[in-house]
Amino acid sequence: MTSSHPILAPATGAPSLGPAVGMAERALTRILARVLAETGTPTLTWYAFQRLAVFGSAPSPADFRRDLRDELDLDDSAAAALLDELVAGGLMQTQDGGTRVTLTDAGQALRDRIRAATAATAGELTASLDPGDVATTVRTLAAVTAQARTLAGRPS
């Protein structure tokens, strides 16, 4: 099967983005999985930490559940269960009369520990690369992600 989409089936002689991104994603996921195992952190907990950080200010529980659902490909009940687990586990809390979701001190400490471990590895991975090339790659991947979401009918 062939595709006329340039990302999926590039012109002859052009680099193929899909396999390169896929291999990089697998290698980076293995590194993340190791860090998460060392800290005893479930993968969805880490991704929930990442999603909470996207909000400029503490989101409402409903907004956070909706974001978890949409960004982590969960259904409504799974997104609600994830937030409930994080609150019950003492990693997140609701504040302001239950209208805002924030990290607890324990959640902040765990997120910081994971970030430090992954940042050290990221530094090793990119140390020999030109910082401009890394910045271009990040911008390119953000644009590809947005376009892929559009093609899949999801908001960017």
Protein backbone atom coordinates (compact mmCIF):
# COMPACT_ATOMS: atom_id res chain seq x y z
CA MET A 1 0.00 0.00 0.00
CA THR A 2 1.36 3.43 -0.87
CA SER A 3 0.37 6.82 0.37
CA SER A 4 0.49 10.17 -1.34
CA HIS A 5 1.11 11.85 2.00
CA PRO A 6 4.74 13.10 2.10
CA ILE A 7 5.33 12.19 5.76
CA LEU A 8 4.15 8.63 5.25
CA ALA A 9 5.63 8.06 1.78
CA PRO A 10 8.22 10.70 0.92
CA ALA A 11 9.40 11.45 -2.59
CA THR A 12 12.12 9.17 -3.86
CA GLY A 13 15.43 9.99 -2.21
CA ALA A 14 13.86 12.14 0.53
CA PRO A 15 14.36 11.16 4.15
CA SER A 16 11.48 9.28 5.73
CA LEU A 17 10.29 11.05 8.87
CA GLY A 18 7.99 8.32 10.20
CA PRO A 19 10.56 5.58 10.83
CA ALA A 20 13.11 8.04 12.27
CA VAL A 21 10.57 9.50 14.68
CA GLY A 22 9.30 6.05 15.58
CA MET A 23 12.76 4.74 16.42
CA ALA A 24 13.61 7.85 18.44
CA GLU A 25 10.31 7.58 20.30
CA ARG A 26 10.96 3.92 21.17
CA ALA A 27 14.49 4.65 22.39
CA LEU A 28 13.37 7.64 24.48
CA THR A 29 10.40 5.71 25.88
CA ARG A 30 12.76 2.98 27.09
CA ILE A 31 14.80 5.60 28.95
CA LEU A 32 11.66 7.12 30.46
CA ALA A 33 10.37 3.67 31.43
CA ARG A 34 13.61 2.99 33.29
CA VAL A 35 13.33 6.24 35.24
CA LEU A 36 9.67 5.59 36.02
CA ALA A 37 10.50 2.07 37.22
CA GLU A 38 13.27 3.41 39.46
CA THR A 39 10.80 5.84 41.05
CA GLY A 40 7.88 3.41 41.12
CA THR A 41 5.81 5.77 39.01
CA PRO A 42 3.10 4.47 36.67
CA THR A 43 3.40 5.82 33.13
CA LEU A 44 -0.03 7.48 33.24
CA THR A 45 0.96 9.30 36.44
CA TRP A 46 3.94 10.81 34.64
CA TYR A 47 1.82 11.82 31.68
CA ALA A 48 -0.75 13.37 34.03
CA PHE A 49 2.08 15.42 35.62
CA GLN A 50 3.07 16.54 32.13
CA ARG A 51 -0.50 17.46 31.23
CA LEU A 52 -1.02 19.45 34.44
CA ALA A 53 2.10 21.47 33.64
CA VAL A 54 0.57 22.56 30.31
CA PHE A 55 -2.07 24.66 32.05
CA GLY A 56 -1.05 28.26 32.79
CA SER A 57 -2.88 28.14 36.08
CA ALA A 58 -4.44 25.32 38.08
CA PRO A 59 -7.28 23.86 36.01
CA SER A 60 -10.68 22.85 37.23
CA PRO A 61 -11.12 19.12 37.81
CA ALA A 62 -13.47 18.99 34.80
CA ASP A 63 -10.97 20.74 32.53
CA PHE A 64 -8.15 18.50 33.72
CA ARG A 65 -10.20 15.32 33.23
CA ARG A 66 -11.17 16.50 29.73
CA ASP A 67 -7.51 17.18 28.92
CA LEU A 68 -6.45 13.76 30.24
CA ARG A 69 -9.19 12.16 28.16
CA ASP A 70 -8.27 13.96 24.97
CA GLU A 71 -4.48 13.95 25.25
CA LEU A 72 -3.99 10.48 26.73
CA ASP A 73 -6.73 8.85 24.66
CA LEU A 74 -8.73 7.82 27.72
CA ASP A 75 -12.48 7.56 28.02
CA ASP A 76 -14.32 9.74 30.53
CA SER A 77 -14.36 7.13 33.29
CA ALA A 78 -10.66 6.31 32.89
CA ALA A 79 -9.72 10.01 33.02
CA ALA A 80 -11.83 10.47 36.17
CA ALA A 81 -10.31 7.33 37.71
CA LEU A 82 -6.79 8.56 36.97
CA LEU A 83 -7.42 11.88 38.69
CA ASP A 84 -9.07 10.09 41.62
CA GLU A 85 -6.03 7.78 41.94
CA LEU A 86 -3.63 10.71 41.91
CA VAL A 87 -5.61 12.50 44.60
CA ALA A 88 -6.00 9.35 46.71
CA GLY A 89 -2.26 8.67 46.30
CA GLY A 90 -1.40 12.11 47.66
CA LEU A 91 0.20 13.36 44.44
CA MET A 92 -2.51 15.83 43.41
CA GLN A 93 -5.16 17.72 45.29
CA THR A 94 -8.12 19.94 44.69
CA GLN A 95 -7.98 23.40 46.15
CA ASP A 96 -10.21 26.44 46.36
CA GLY A 97 -13.23 24.42 47.43
CA GLY A 98 -12.54 21.67 44.90
CA THR A 99 -12.41 24.05 41.93
CA ARG A 100 -8.70 23.71 41.06
CA VAL A 101 -6.28 20.78 40.65
CA THR A 102 -2.67 21.16 41.81
CA LEU A 103 0.25 18.97 42.71
CA THR A 104 0.82 18.23 46.38
CA ASP A 105 4.30 18.67 47.83
CA ALA A 106 4.83 14.91 47.34
CA GLY A 107 3.65 15.14 43.74
CA GLN A 108 5.92 18.12 43.08
CA ALA A 109 8.89 16.28 44.61
CA LEU A 110 8.26 13.18 42.50
CA ARG A 111 7.80 15.19 39.31
CA ASP A 112 11.00 17.10 40.04
CA ARG A 113 12.92 13.86 40.67
CA ILE A 114 11.74 12.37 37.37
CA ARG A 115 12.42 15.59 35.48
CA ALA A 116 15.95 15.78 36.88
CA ALA A 117 16.68 12.20 35.86
CA THR A 118 15.28 12.65 32.36
CA ALA A 119 16.96 16.06 31.93
CA ALA A 120 20.34 14.53 32.75
CA THR A 121 19.79 11.88 30.09
CA ALA A 122 18.51 14.44 27.59
CA GLY A 123 21.66 16.46 28.19
CA GLU A 124 23.78 13.42 27.38
CA LEU A 125 21.70 12.66 24.28
CA THR A 126 22.03 16.15 22.84
CA ALA A 127 25.48 17.19 24.09
CA SER A 128 27.15 16.50 20.74
CA LEU A 129 24.39 18.13 18.71
CA ASP A 130 24.16 21.72 17.55
CA PRO A 131 21.65 23.55 19.80
CA GLY A 132 20.09 25.16 16.72
CA ASP A 133 19.53 21.74 15.19
CA VAL A 134 17.85 20.57 18.39
CA ALA A 135 15.62 23.67 18.44
CA THR A 136 14.69 23.10 14.79
CA THR A 137 13.89 19.46 15.51
CA VAL A 138 11.65 20.41 18.43
CA ARG A 139 9.78 22.98 16.31
CA THR A 140 9.45 20.49 13.45
CA LEU A 141 8.09 17.75 15.69
CA ALA A 142 5.61 20.19 17.27
CA ALA A 143 4.39 21.15 13.79
CA VAL A 144 4.18 17.50 12.68
CA THR A 145 2.24 16.65 15.85
CA ALA A 146 -0.23 19.48 15.26
CA GLN A 147 -0.70 18.46 11.63
CA ALA A 148 -1.13 14.80 12.54
CA ARG A 149 -3.81 15.76 15.08
CA THR A 150 -5.57 17.81 12.43
CA LEU A 151 -5.46 14.92 9.97
CA ALA A 152 -6.83 12.62 12.68
CA GLY A 153 -9.67 15.07 13.39
CA ARG A 154 -8.34 16.10 16.81
CA PRO A 155 -7.70 19.66 17.98
CA SER A 156 -4.08 20.82 18.08
